[in-house]
Amino acid sequence: MQIAECVPGNSDLEGDIVLIAGYAHPVEFEFKGVQNFLLVPLLSQTCRHPNAPLPDQVVSVEYPEGVDITADPVWVTGKIFIRQTQNELAPSVYRIKASDVVTATIPDVSVAE
């Protein structure tokens, strides 16, 4: 059984405009003007090799304007869809067509201890 079948996502969100924070990770080895990236949560650094996030914790983002990828968290605003995707990096249950991506200052995102 595919893991994505076990985490189908929340269909109530389909088509909603959302604001969500996370860390942008490029799908390809590009860091300037990136139009497609994965939005992932903060990964625990208590272990040398943290577990990968589940597919419902990864959001595939399409942002035609492009964004420069840094180590800083970002806020993504856009329309969310349930679209299971798989690439070389991670499976994803959600896709956002972003209208805005900005650097975030998130008090709840702490540095790993």
PDB file of N, CA and C in Angstrom:
ATOM      1  N   MET A   1       0.841  -1.187   0.000  1.00  0.00           N
ATOM      2  CA  MET A   1       0.000   0.000   0.000  1.00  0.00           C
ATOM      3  C   MET A   1       0.880   1.241   0.000  1.00  0.00           C
ATOM      4  N   GLN A   2       0.544   2.189  -0.841  1.00  0.00           N
ATOM      5  CA  GLN A   2       1.269   3.439  -0.908  1.00  0.00           C
ATOM      6  C   GLN A   2       0.993   4.260   0.354  1.00  0.00           C
ATOM      7  N   ILE A   3       2.014   4.935   0.860  1.00  0.00           N
ATOM      8  CA  ILE A   3       1.823   5.739   2.075  1.00  0.00           C
ATOM      9  C   ILE A   3       0.839   6.872   1.828  1.00  0.00           C
ATOM     10  N   ALA A   4       0.786   7.412   0.609  1.00  0.00           N
ATOM     11  CA  ALA A   4      -0.144   8.500   0.308  1.00  0.00           C
ATOM     12  C   ALA A   4      -1.595   8.053   0.452  1.00  0.00           C
ATOM     13  N   GLU A   5      -1.872   6.754   0.275  1.00  0.00           N
ATOM     14  CA  GLU A   5      -3.226   6.244   0.463  1.00  0.00           C
ATOM     15  C   GLU A   5      -3.624   6.288   1.933  1.00  0.00           C
ATOM     16  N   CYS A   6      -2.650   6.234   2.817  1.00  0.00           N
ATOM     17  CA  CYS A   6      -2.915   6.252   4.263  1.00  0.00           C
ATOM     18  C   CYS A   6      -3.117   7.673   4.785  1.00  0.00           C
ATOM     19  N   VAL A   7      -2.657   8.665   4.049  1.00  0.00           N
ATOM     20  CA  VAL A   7      -2.798  10.063   4.449  1.00  0.00           C
ATOM     21  C   VAL A   7      -3.427  10.834   3.290  1.00  0.00           C
ATOM     22  N   PRO A   8      -4.742  10.696   3.114  1.00  0.00           N
ATOM     23  CA  PRO A   8      -5.397  11.259   1.929  1.00  0.00           C
ATOM     24  C   PRO A   8      -5.521  12.775   1.914  1.00  0.00           C
ATOM     25  N   GLY A   9      -5.285  13.441   3.022  1.00  0.00           N
ATOM     26  CA  GLY A   9      -5.446  14.887   3.061  1.00  0.00           C
ATOM     27  C   GLY A   9      -6.858  15.268   3.458  1.00  0.00           C
ATOM     28  N   ASN A  10      -7.071  16.531   3.712  1.00  0.00           N
ATOM     29  CA  ASN A  10      -8.361  17.055   4.154  1.00  0.00           C
ATOM     30  C   ASN A  10      -9.094  17.653   2.960  1.00  0.00           C
ATOM     31  N   SER A  11     -10.055  16.921   2.412  1.00  0.00           N
ATOM     32  CA  SER A  11     -10.762  17.376   1.210  1.00  0.00           C
ATOM     33  C   SER A  11     -11.598  18.633   1.463  1.00  0.00           C
ATOM     34  N   ASP A  12     -11.873  18.967   2.731  1.00  0.00           N
ATOM     35  CA  ASP A  12     -12.615  20.197   3.040  1.00  0.00           C
ATOM     36  C   ASP A  12     -11.833  21.444   2.634  1.00  0.00           C
ATOM     37  N   LEU A  13     -10.527  21.318   2.466  1.00  0.00           N
ATOM     38  CA  LEU A  13      -9.689  22.461   2.101  1.00  0.00           C
ATOM     39  C   LEU A  13      -9.675  22.731   0.598  1.00  0.00           C
ATOM     40  N   GLU A  14     -10.136  21.788  -0.205  1.00  0.00           N
ATOM     41  CA  GLU A  14     -10.073  21.889  -1.668  1.00  0.00           C
ATOM     42  C   GLU A  14     -10.580  23.246  -2.165  1.00  0.00           C
ATOM     43  N   GLY A  15      -9.702  23.985  -2.840  1.00  0.00           N
ATOM     44  CA  GLY A  15     -10.068  25.262  -3.441  1.00  0.00           C
ATOM     45  C   GLY A  15     -10.037  26.459  -2.507  1.00  0.00           C
ATOM     46  N   ASP A  16      -9.751  26.260  -1.217  1.00  0.00           N
ATOM     47  CA  ASP A  16      -9.696  27.371  -0.269  1.00  0.00           C
ATOM     48  C   ASP A  16      -8.429  28.204  -0.469  1.00  0.00           C
ATOM     49  N   ILE A  17      -8.515  29.472  -0.109  1.00  0.00           N
ATOM     50  CA  ILE A  17      -7.323  30.321  -0.046  1.00  0.00           C
ATOM     51  C   ILE A  17      -6.733  30.131   1.347  1.00  0.00           C
ATOM     52  N   VAL A  18      -5.451  29.781   1.407  1.00  0.00           N
ATOM     53  CA  VAL A  18      -4.801  29.501   2.684  1.00  0.00           C
ATOM     54  C   VAL A  18      -3.544  30.353   2.843  1.00  0.00           C
ATOM     55  N   LEU A  19      -3.134  30.498   4.081  1.00  0.00           N
ATOM     56  CA  LEU A  19      -1.857  31.111   4.446  1.00  0.00           C
ATOM     57  C   LEU A  19      -1.157  30.074   5.307  1.00  0.00           C
ATOM     58  N   ILE A  20      -0.010  29.588   4.855  1.00  0.00           N
ATOM     59  CA  ILE A  20       0.677  28.511   5.563  1.00  0.00           C
ATOM     60  C   ILE A  20       2.177  28.797   5.586  1.00  0.00           C
ATOM     61  N   ALA A  21       2.794  28.463   6.703  1.00  0.00           N
ATOM     62  CA  ALA A  21       4.233  28.689   6.858  1.00  0.00           C
ATOM     63  C   ALA A  21       4.986  27.379   6.783  1.00  0.00           C
ATOM     64  N   GLY A  22       6.216  27.465   6.369  1.00  0.00           N
ATOM     65  CA  GLY A  22       7.089  26.289   6.312  1.00  0.00           C
ATOM     66  C   GLY A  22       8.414  26.687   5.693  1.00  0.00           C
ATOM     67  N   TYR A  23       9.143  25.687   5.275  1.00  0.00           N
ATOM     68  CA  TYR A  23      10.457  25.898   4.681  1.00  0.00           C
ATOM     69  C   TYR A  23      10.404  25.479   3.215  1.00  0.00           C
ATOM     70  N   ALA A  24      10.838  26.374   2.339  1.00  0.00           N
ATOM     71  CA  ALA A  24      10.831  26.098   0.902  1.00  0.00           C
ATOM     72  C   ALA A  24      12.033  25.236   0.550  1.00  0.00           C
ATOM     73  N   HIS A  25      11.769  24.168  -0.175  1.00  0.00           N
ATOM     74  CA  HIS A  25      12.833  23.270  -0.617  1.00  0.00           C
ATOM     75  C   HIS A  25      12.699  23.097  -2.123  1.00  0.00           C
ATOM     76  N   PRO A  26      13.719  23.498  -2.888  1.00  0.00           N
ATOM     77  CA  PRO A  26      13.591  23.402  -4.343  1.00  0.00           C
ATOM     78  C   PRO A  26      13.496  21.948  -4.800  1.00  0.00           C
ATOM     79  N   VAL A  27      12.726  21.720  -5.859  1.00  0.00           N
ATOM     80  CA  VAL A  27      12.600  20.375  -6.427  1.00  0.00           C
ATOM     81  C   VAL A  27      13.821  20.075  -7.288  1.00  0.00           C
ATOM     82  N   GLU A  28      14.334  21.093  -7.965  1.00  0.00           N
ATOM     83  CA  GLU A  28      15.542  20.946  -8.765  1.00  0.00           C
ATOM     84  C   GLU A  28      16.653  21.754  -8.114  1.00  0.00           C
ATOM     85  N   PHE A  29      17.859  21.556  -8.557  1.00  0.00           N
ATOM     86  CA  PHE A  29      19.006  22.212  -7.937  1.00  0.00           C
ATOM     87  C   PHE A  29      19.127  23.654  -8.421  1.00  0.00           C
ATOM     88  N   GLU A  30      18.127  24.455  -8.080  1.00  0.00           N
ATOM     89  CA  GLU A  30      18.083  25.879  -8.383  1.00  0.00           C
ATOM     90  C   GLU A  30      17.658  26.600  -7.112  1.00  0.00           C
ATOM     91  N   PHE A  31      18.186  27.798  -6.882  1.00  0.00           N
ATOM     92  CA  PHE A  31      17.837  28.543  -5.676  1.00  0.00           C
ATOM     93  C   PHE A  31      17.400  29.978  -5.962  1.00  0.00           C
ATOM     94  N   LYS A  32      17.455  30.404  -7.209  1.00  0.00           N
ATOM     95  CA  LYS A  32      17.055  31.759  -7.605  1.00  0.00           C
ATOM     96  C   LYS A  32      15.868  31.673  -8.558  1.00  0.00           C
ATOM     97  N   GLY A  33      14.843  32.455  -8.300  1.00  0.00           N
ATOM     98  CA  GLY A  33      13.690  32.489  -9.185  1.00  0.00           C
ATOM     99  C   GLY A  33      12.962  31.156  -9.303  1.00  0.00           C
ATOM    100  N   VAL A  34      12.916  30.402  -8.220  1.00  0.00           N
ATOM    101  CA  VAL A  34      12.307  29.062  -8.228  1.00  0.00           C
ATOM    102  C   VAL A  34      10.787  29.183  -8.321  1.00  0.00           C
ATOM    103  N   GLN A  35      10.201  28.510  -9.312  1.00  0.00           N
ATOM    104  CA  GLN A  35       8.762  28.575  -9.530  1.00  0.00           C
ATOM    105  C   GLN A  35       8.011  27.371  -8.958  1.00  0.00           C
ATOM    106  N   ASN A  36       8.711  26.272  -8.721  1.00  0.00           N
ATOM    107  CA  ASN A  36       8.107  25.072  -8.132  1.00  0.00           C
ATOM    108  C   ASN A  36       8.987  24.575  -7.002  1.00  0.00           C
ATOM    109  N   PHE A  37       8.406  24.437  -5.814  1.00  0.00           N
ATOM    110  CA  PHE A  37       9.169  23.966  -4.660  1.00  0.00           C
ATOM    111  C   PHE A  37       8.251  23.208  -3.715  1.00  0.00           C
ATOM    112  N   LEU A  38       8.865  22.535  -2.759  1.00  0.00           N
ATOM    113  CA  LEU A  38       8.114  21.842  -1.715  1.00  0.00           C
ATOM    114  C   LEU A  38       8.142  22.700  -0.462  1.00  0.00           C
ATOM    115  N   LEU A  39       7.010  22.806   0.196  1.00  0.00           N
ATOM    116  CA  LEU A  39       6.925  23.488   1.484  1.00  0.00           C
ATOM    117  C   LEU A  39       6.901  22.393   2.543  1.00  0.00           C
ATOM    118  N   VAL A  40       7.900  22.392   3.411  1.00  0.00           N
ATOM    119  CA  VAL A  40       8.024  21.333   4.412  1.00  0.00           C
ATOM    120  C   VAL A  40       8.060  21.935   5.811  1.00  0.00           C
ATOM    121  N   PRO A  41       7.670  21.141   6.828  1.00  0.00           N
ATOM    122  CA  PRO A  41       7.742  21.640   8.208  1.00  0.00           C
ATOM    123  C   PRO A  41       9.177  21.620   8.710  1.00  0.00           C
ATOM    124  N   LEU A  42       9.391  22.247   9.849  1.00  0.00           N
ATOM    125  CA  LEU A  42      10.684  22.179  10.512  1.00  0.00           C
ATOM    126  C   LEU A  42      10.952  20.735  10.893  1.00  0.00           C
ATOM    127  N   LEU A  43      12.095  20.212  10.494  1.00  0.00           N
ATOM    128  CA  LEU A  43      12.440  18.829  10.814  1.00  0.00           C
ATOM    129  C   LEU A  43      13.265  18.783  12.090  1.00  0.00           C
ATOM    130  N   SER A  44      13.010  17.791  12.899  1.00  0.00           N
ATOM    131  CA  SER A  44      13.750  17.629  14.143  1.00  0.00           C
ATOM    132  C   SER A  44      15.214  17.356  13.848  1.00  0.00           C
ATOM    133  N   GLN A  45      16.070  18.047  14.541  1.00  0.00           N
ATOM    134  CA  GLN A  45      17.498  17.838  14.359  1.00  0.00           C
ATOM    135  C   GLN A  45      18.108  17.092  15.542  1.00  0.00           C
ATOM    136  N   THR A  46      17.265  16.383  16.305  1.00  0.00           N
ATOM    137  CA  THR A  46      17.776  15.613  17.436  1.00  0.00           C
ATOM    138  C   THR A  46      18.479  14.352  16.961  1.00  0.00           C
ATOM    139  N   CYS A  47      18.326  14.054  15.695  1.00  0.00           N
ATOM    140  CA  CYS A  47      18.940  12.876  15.112  1.00  0.00           C
ATOM    141  C   CYS A  47      19.697  13.318  13.867  1.00  0.00           C
ATOM    142  N   ARG A  48      20.714  12.594  13.528  1.00  0.00           N
ATOM    143  CA  ARG A  48      21.518  12.938  12.358  1.00  0.00           C
ATOM    144  C   ARG A  48      20.713  12.847  11.064  1.00  0.00           C
ATOM    145  N   HIS A  49      19.808  11.880  11.002  1.00  0.00           N
ATOM    146  CA  HIS A  49      18.967  11.688   9.818  1.00  0.00           C
ATOM    147  C   HIS A  49      17.506  11.695  10.254  1.00  0.00           C
ATOM    148  N   PRO A  50      16.874  12.881  10.302  1.00  0.00           N
ATOM    149  CA  PRO A  50      15.477  12.929  10.755  1.00  0.00           C
ATOM    150  C   PRO A  50      14.560  12.209   9.767  1.00  0.00           C
ATOM    151  N   ASN A  51      13.438  11.712  10.280  1.00  0.00           N
ATOM    152  CA  ASN A  51      12.463  11.070   9.417  1.00  0.00           C
ATOM    153  C   ASN A  51      11.901  12.100   8.446  1.00  0.00           C
ATOM    154  N   ALA A  52      11.610  11.647   7.246  1.00  0.00           N
ATOM    155  CA  ALA A  52      10.992  12.521   6.250  1.00  0.00           C
ATOM    156  C   ALA A  52       9.562  12.819   6.678  1.00  0.00           C
ATOM    157  N   PRO A  53       9.054  14.004   6.353  1.00  0.00           N
ATOM    158  CA  PRO A  53       7.664  14.315   6.701  1.00  0.00           C
ATOM    159  C   PRO A  53       6.709  13.437   5.889  1.00  0.00           C
ATOM    160  N   LEU A  54       5.532  13.198   6.460  1.00  0.00           N
ATOM    161  CA  LEU A  54       4.507  12.429   5.764  1.00  0.00           C
ATOM    162  C   LEU A  54       3.966  13.237   4.586  1.00  0.00           C
ATOM    163  N   PRO A  55       3.370  12.565   3.598  1.00  0.00           N
ATOM    164  CA  PRO A  55       2.866  13.284   2.416  1.00  0.00           C
ATOM    165  C   PRO A  55       1.851  14.377   2.728  1.00  0.00           C
ATOM    166  N   ASP A  56       1.106  14.256   3.835  1.00  0.00           N
ATOM    167  CA  ASP A  56       0.151  15.322   4.157  1.00  0.00           C
ATOM    168  C   ASP A  56       0.799  16.466   4.932  1.00  0.00           C
ATOM    169  N   GLN A  57       2.120  16.392   5.131  1.00  0.00           N
ATOM    170  CA  GLN A  57       2.869  17.478   5.751  1.00  0.00           C
ATOM    171  C   GLN A  57       3.743  18.204   4.731  1.00  0.00           C
ATOM    172  N   VAL A  58       3.689  17.744   3.493  1.00  0.00           N
ATOM    173  CA  VAL A  58       4.469  18.331   2.402  1.00  0.00           C
ATOM    174  C   VAL A  58       3.490  18.958   1.413  1.00  0.00           C
ATOM    175  N   VAL A  59       3.763  20.198   1.018  1.00  0.00           N
ATOM    176  CA  VAL A  59       2.908  20.888   0.059  1.00  0.00           C
ATOM    177  C   VAL A  59       3.741  21.226  -1.173  1.00  0.00           C
ATOM    178  N   SER A  60       3.275  20.797  -2.316  1.00  0.00           N
ATOM    179  CA  SER A  60       3.911  21.160  -3.566  1.00  0.00           C
ATOM    180  C   SER A  60       3.393  22.549  -3.942  1.00  0.00           C
ATOM    181  N   VAL A  61       4.307  23.495  -4.174  1.00  0.00           N
ATOM    182  CA  VAL A  61       3.922  24.889  -4.431  1.00  0.00           C
ATOM    183  C   VAL A  61       4.327  25.293  -5.845  1.00  0.00           C
ATOM    184  N   GLU A  62       3.380  25.921  -6.533  1.00  0.00           N
ATOM    185  CA  GLU A  62       3.628  26.502  -7.849  1.00  0.00           C
ATOM    186  C   GLU A  62       3.509  28.015  -7.692  1.00  0.00           C
ATOM    187  N   TYR A  63       4.598  28.730  -7.992  1.00  0.00           N
ATOM    188  CA  TYR A  63       4.635  30.183  -7.830  1.00  0.00           C
ATOM    189  C   TYR A  63       5.271  30.788  -9.080  1.00  0.00           C
ATOM    190  N   PRO A  64       4.460  31.168 -10.069  1.00  0.00           N
ATOM    191  CA  PRO A  64       4.977  31.650 -11.351  1.00  0.00           C
ATOM    192  C   PRO A  64       5.939  32.835 -11.261  1.00  0.00           C
ATOM    193  N   GLU A  65       5.793  33.675 -10.232  1.00  0.00           N
ATOM    194  CA  GLU A  65       6.682  34.836 -10.094  1.00  0.00           C
ATOM    195  C   GLU A  65       8.092  34.429  -9.683  1.00  0.00           C
ATOM    196  N   GLY A  66       8.231  33.261  -9.086  1.00  0.00           N
ATOM    197  CA  GLY A  66       9.532  32.778  -8.651  1.00  0.00           C
ATOM    198  C   GLY A  66       9.960  33.371  -7.325  1.00  0.00           C
ATOM    199  N   VAL A  67      10.700  32.595  -6.557  1.00  0.00           N
ATOM    200  CA  VAL A  67      11.181  33.017  -5.243  1.00  0.00           C
ATOM    201  C   VAL A  67      12.621  32.530  -5.087  1.00  0.00           C
ATOM    202  N   ASP A  68      13.423  33.303  -4.370  1.00  0.00           N
ATOM    203  CA  ASP A  68      14.783  32.873  -4.056  1.00  0.00           C
ATOM    204  C   ASP A  68      14.717  32.020  -2.787  1.00  0.00           C
ATOM    205  N   ILE A  69      15.255  30.824  -2.861  1.00  0.00           N
ATOM    206  CA  ILE A  69      15.220  29.882  -1.738  1.00  0.00           C
ATOM    207  C   ILE A  69      16.365  30.195  -0.778  1.00  0.00           C
ATOM    208  N   THR A  70      16.015  30.325   0.524  1.00  0.00           N
ATOM    209  CA  THR A  70      17.014  30.535   1.572  1.00  0.00           C
ATOM    210  C   THR A  70      16.708  29.551   2.703  1.00  0.00           C
ATOM    211  N   ALA A  71      17.453  29.635   3.773  1.00  0.00           N
ATOM    212  CA  ALA A  71      17.211  28.778   4.932  1.00  0.00           C
ATOM    213  C   ALA A  71      16.105  29.330   5.827  1.00  0.00           C
ATOM    214  N   ASP A  72      15.601  30.526   5.508  1.00  0.00           N
ATOM    215  CA  ASP A  72      14.549  31.147   6.310  1.00  0.00           C
ATOM    216  C   ASP A  72      13.185  30.539   5.991  1.00  0.00           C
ATOM    217  N   PRO A  73      12.297  30.490   6.988  1.00  0.00           N
ATOM    218  CA  PRO A  73      10.931  30.021   6.709  1.00  0.00           C
ATOM    219  C   PRO A  73      10.202  31.049   5.854  1.00  0.00           C
ATOM    220  N   VAL A  74       9.130  30.600   5.213  1.00  0.00           N
ATOM    221  CA  VAL A  74       8.330  31.480   4.364  1.00  0.00           C
ATOM    222  C   VAL A  74       6.850  31.316   4.670  1.00  0.00           C
ATOM    223  N   TRP A  75       6.089  32.352   4.368  1.00  0.00           N
ATOM    224  CA  TRP A  75       4.635  32.299   4.363  1.00  0.00           C
ATOM    225  C   TRP A  75       4.209  32.155   2.909  1.00  0.00           C
ATOM    226  N   VAL A  76       3.336  31.204   2.639  1.00  0.00           N
ATOM    227  CA  VAL A  76       2.798  31.007   1.294  1.00  0.00           C
ATOM    228  C   VAL A  76       1.295  31.266   1.351  1.00  0.00           C
ATOM    229  N   THR A  77       0.823  32.134   0.464  1.00  0.00           N
ATOM    230  CA  THR A  77      -0.601  32.406   0.327  1.00  0.00           C
ATOM    231  C   THR A  77      -1.037  31.906  -1.046  1.00  0.00           C
ATOM    232  N   GLY A  78      -2.163  31.199  -1.084  1.00  0.00           N
ATOM    233  CA  GLY A  78      -2.653  30.744  -2.375  1.00  0.00           C
ATOM    234  C   GLY A  78      -3.800  29.763  -2.245  1.00  0.00           C
ATOM    235  N   LYS A  79      -4.234  29.263  -3.378  1.00  0.00           N
ATOM    236  CA  LYS A  79      -5.350  28.322  -3.440  1.00  0.00           C
ATOM    237  C   LYS A  79      -4.800  26.905  -3.312  1.00  0.00           C
ATOM    238  N   ILE A  80      -5.396  26.129  -2.389  1.00  0.00           N
ATOM    239  CA  ILE A  80      -4.902  24.780  -2.109  1.00  0.00           C
ATOM    240  C   ILE A  80      -5.801  23.726  -2.762  1.00  0.00           C
ATOM    241  N   PHE A  81      -5.160  22.664  -3.227  1.00  0.00           N
ATOM    242  CA  PHE A  81      -5.856  21.553  -3.877  1.00  0.00           C
ATOM    243  C   PHE A  81      -5.310  20.232  -3.357  1.00  0.00           C
ATOM    244  N   ILE A  82      -6.156  19.213  -3.358  1.00  0.00           N
ATOM    245  CA  ILE A  82      -5.695  17.855  -3.049  1.00  0.00           C
ATOM    246  C   ILE A  82      -5.167  17.282  -4.356  1.00  0.00           C
ATOM    247  N   ARG A  83      -3.858  17.142  -4.466  1.00  0.00           N
ATOM    248  CA  ARG A  83      -3.217  16.610  -5.667  1.00  0.00           C
ATOM    249  C   ARG A  83      -2.026  15.775  -5.231  1.00  0.00           C
ATOM    250  N   GLN A  84      -2.182  14.482  -5.220  1.00  0.00           N
ATOM    251  CA  GLN A  84      -1.071  13.627  -4.831  1.00  0.00           C
ATOM    252  C   GLN A  84      -0.010  13.659  -5.922  1.00  0.00           C
ATOM    253  N   THR A  85       1.201  14.006  -5.510  1.00  0.00           N
ATOM    254  CA  THR A  85       2.320  14.059  -6.444  1.00  0.00           C
ATOM    255  C   THR A  85       3.500  13.314  -5.849  1.00  0.00           C
ATOM    256  N   GLN A  86       4.385  12.894  -6.723  1.00  0.00           N
ATOM    257  CA  GLN A  86       5.598  12.195  -6.297  1.00  0.00           C
ATOM    258  C   GLN A  86       6.733  12.727  -7.156  1.00  0.00           C
ATOM    259  N   ASN A  87       7.821  13.095  -6.501  1.00  0.00           N
ATOM    260  CA  ASN A  87       9.025  13.455  -7.244  1.00  0.00           C
ATOM    261  C   ASN A  87      10.203  12.778  -6.572  1.00  0.00           C
ATOM    262  N   GLU A  88      11.409  13.143  -6.980  1.00  0.00           N
ATOM    263  CA  GLU A  88      12.597  12.486  -6.441  1.00  0.00           C
ATOM    264  C   GLU A  88      12.782  12.743  -4.942  1.00  0.00           C
ATOM    265  N   LEU A  89      12.201  13.828  -4.432  1.00  0.00           N
ATOM    266  CA  LEU A  89      12.435  14.218  -3.048  1.00  0.00           C
ATOM    267  C   LEU A  89      11.425  13.654  -2.059  1.00  0.00           C
ATOM    268  N   ALA A  90      10.135  13.801  -2.365  1.00  0.00           N
ATOM    269  CA  ALA A  90       9.116  13.400  -1.396  1.00  0.00           C
ATOM    270  C   ALA A  90       7.740  13.346  -2.045  1.00  0.00           C
ATOM    271  N   PRO A  91       6.879  12.472  -1.538  1.00  0.00           N
ATOM    272  CA  PRO A  91       5.481  12.508  -1.996  1.00  0.00           C
ATOM    273  C   PRO A  91       4.752  13.652  -1.301  1.00  0.00           C
ATOM    274  N   SER A  92       3.722  14.151  -1.945  1.00  0.00           N
ATOM    275  CA  SER A  92       2.949  15.267  -1.418  1.00  0.00           C
ATOM    276  C   SER A  92       1.474  15.020  -1.675  1.00  0.00           C
ATOM    277  N   VAL A  93       0.628  15.425  -0.742  1.00  0.00           N
ATOM    278  CA  VAL A  93      -0.820  15.290  -0.907  1.00  0.00           C
ATOM    279  C   VAL A  93      -1.434  16.607  -1.375  1.00  0.00           C
ATOM    280  N   TYR A  94      -0.855  17.727  -0.958  1.00  0.00           N
ATOM    281  CA  TYR A  94      -1.430  19.034  -1.265  1.00  0.00           C
ATOM    282  C   TYR A  94      -0.611  19.773  -2.324  1.00  0.00           C
ATOM    283  N   ARG A  95      -1.313  20.622  -3.084  1.00  0.00           N
ATOM    284  CA  ARG A  95      -0.657  21.513  -4.044  1.00  0.00           C
ATOM    285  C   ARG A  95      -1.255  22.905  -3.851  1.00  0.00           C
ATOM    286  N   ILE A  96      -0.402  23.916  -3.832  1.00  0.00           N
ATOM    287  CA  ILE A  96      -0.865  25.302  -3.731  1.00  0.00           C
ATOM    288  C   ILE A  96      -0.429  26.060  -4.984  1.00  0.00           C
ATOM    289  N   LYS A  97      -1.392  26.754  -5.577  1.00  0.00           N
ATOM    290  CA  LYS A  97      -1.071  27.727  -6.621  1.00  0.00           C
ATOM    291  C   LYS A  97      -0.921  29.044  -5.881  1.00  0.00           C
ATOM    292  N   ALA A  98       0.325  29.416  -5.624  1.00  0.00           N
ATOM    293  CA  ALA A  98       0.612  30.565  -4.753  1.00  0.00           C
ATOM    294  C   ALA A  98       0.417  31.900  -5.453  1.00  0.00           C
ATOM    295  N   SER A  99      -0.139  32.835  -4.698  1.00  0.00           N
ATOM    296  CA  SER A  99      -0.252  34.217  -5.163  1.00  0.00           C
ATOM    297  C   SER A  99       0.792  35.089  -4.482  1.00  0.00           C
ATOM    298  N   ASP A 100       1.370  34.598  -3.366  1.00  0.00           N
ATOM    299  CA  ASP A 100       2.370  35.370  -2.638  1.00  0.00           C
ATOM    300  C   ASP A 100       3.248  34.436  -1.813  1.00  0.00           C
ATOM    301  N   VAL A 101       4.533  34.718  -1.788  1.00  0.00           N
ATOM    302  CA  VAL A 101       5.494  33.997  -0.943  1.00  0.00           C
ATOM    303  C   VAL A 101       6.400  35.046  -0.329  1.00  0.00           C
ATOM    304  N   VAL A 102       6.432  35.113   1.016  1.00  0.00           N
ATOM    305  CA  VAL A 102       7.257  36.103   1.709  1.00  0.00           C
ATOM    306  C   VAL A 102       8.042  35.436   2.829  1.00  0.00           C
ATOM    307  N   THR A 103       9.189  36.017   3.145  1.00  0.00           N
ATOM    308  CA  THR A 103      10.001  35.528   4.260  1.00  0.00           C
ATOM    309  C   THR A 103       9.214  35.688   5.550  1.00  0.00           C
ATOM    310  N   ALA A 104       9.321  34.696   6.417  1.00  0.00           N
ATOM    311  CA  ALA A 104       8.544  34.683   7.653  1.00  0.00           C
ATOM    312  C   ALA A 104       9.432  34.873   8.871  1.00  0.00           C
ATOM    313  N   THR A 105       8.866  35.492   9.859  1.00  0.00           N
ATOM    314  CA  THR A 105       9.428  35.501  11.195  1.00  0.00           C
ATOM    315  C   THR A 105       8.388  34.798  12.049  1.00  0.00           C
ATOM    316  N   ILE A 106       8.714  33.597  12.445  1.00  0.00           N
ATOM    317  CA  ILE A 106       7.727  32.770  13.122  1.00  0.00           C
ATOM    318  C   ILE A 106       8.196  32.483  14.542  1.00  0.00           C
ATOM    319  N   PRO A 107       7.598  33.085  15.544  1.00  0.00           N
ATOM    320  CA  PRO A 107       8.022  32.834  16.917  1.00  0.00           C
ATOM    321  C   PRO A 107       7.907  31.371  17.320  1.00  0.00           C
ATOM    322  N   ASP A 108       6.950  30.653  16.743  1.00  0.00           N
ATOM    323  CA  ASP A 108       6.749  29.257  17.130  1.00  0.00           C
ATOM    324  C   ASP A 108       7.779  28.324  16.523  1.00  0.00           C
ATOM    325  N   VAL A 109       8.508  28.782  15.525  1.00  0.00           N
ATOM    326  CA  VAL A 109       9.544  27.956  14.905  1.00  0.00           C
ATOM    327  C   VAL A 109      10.827  28.235  15.649  1.00  0.00           C
ATOM    328  N   SER A 110      11.230  27.290  16.493  1.00  0.00           N
ATOM    329  CA  SER A 110      12.433  27.505  17.300  1.00  0.00           C
ATOM    330  C   SER A 110      13.615  26.750  16.706  1.00  0.00           C
ATOM    331  N   VAL A 111      14.770  27.191  17.058  1.00  0.00           N
ATOM    332  CA  VAL A 111      15.990  26.524  16.644  1.00  0.00           C
ATOM    333  C   VAL A 111      16.067  25.201  17.395  1.00  0.00           C
ATOM    334  N   ALA A 112      16.496  24.151  16.688  1.00  0.00           N
ATOM    335  CA  ALA A 112      16.604  22.833  17.322  1.00  0.00           C
ATOM    336  C   ALA A 112      17.545  22.911  18.504  1.00  0.00           C
ATOM    337  N   GLU A 113      17.165  22.258  19.559  1.00  0.00           N
ATOM    338  CA  GLU A 113      17.987  22.279  20.783  1.00  0.00           C
ATOM    339  C   GLU A 113      19.075  21.246  20.743  1.00  0.00           C
TER     340      GLU A 113
END
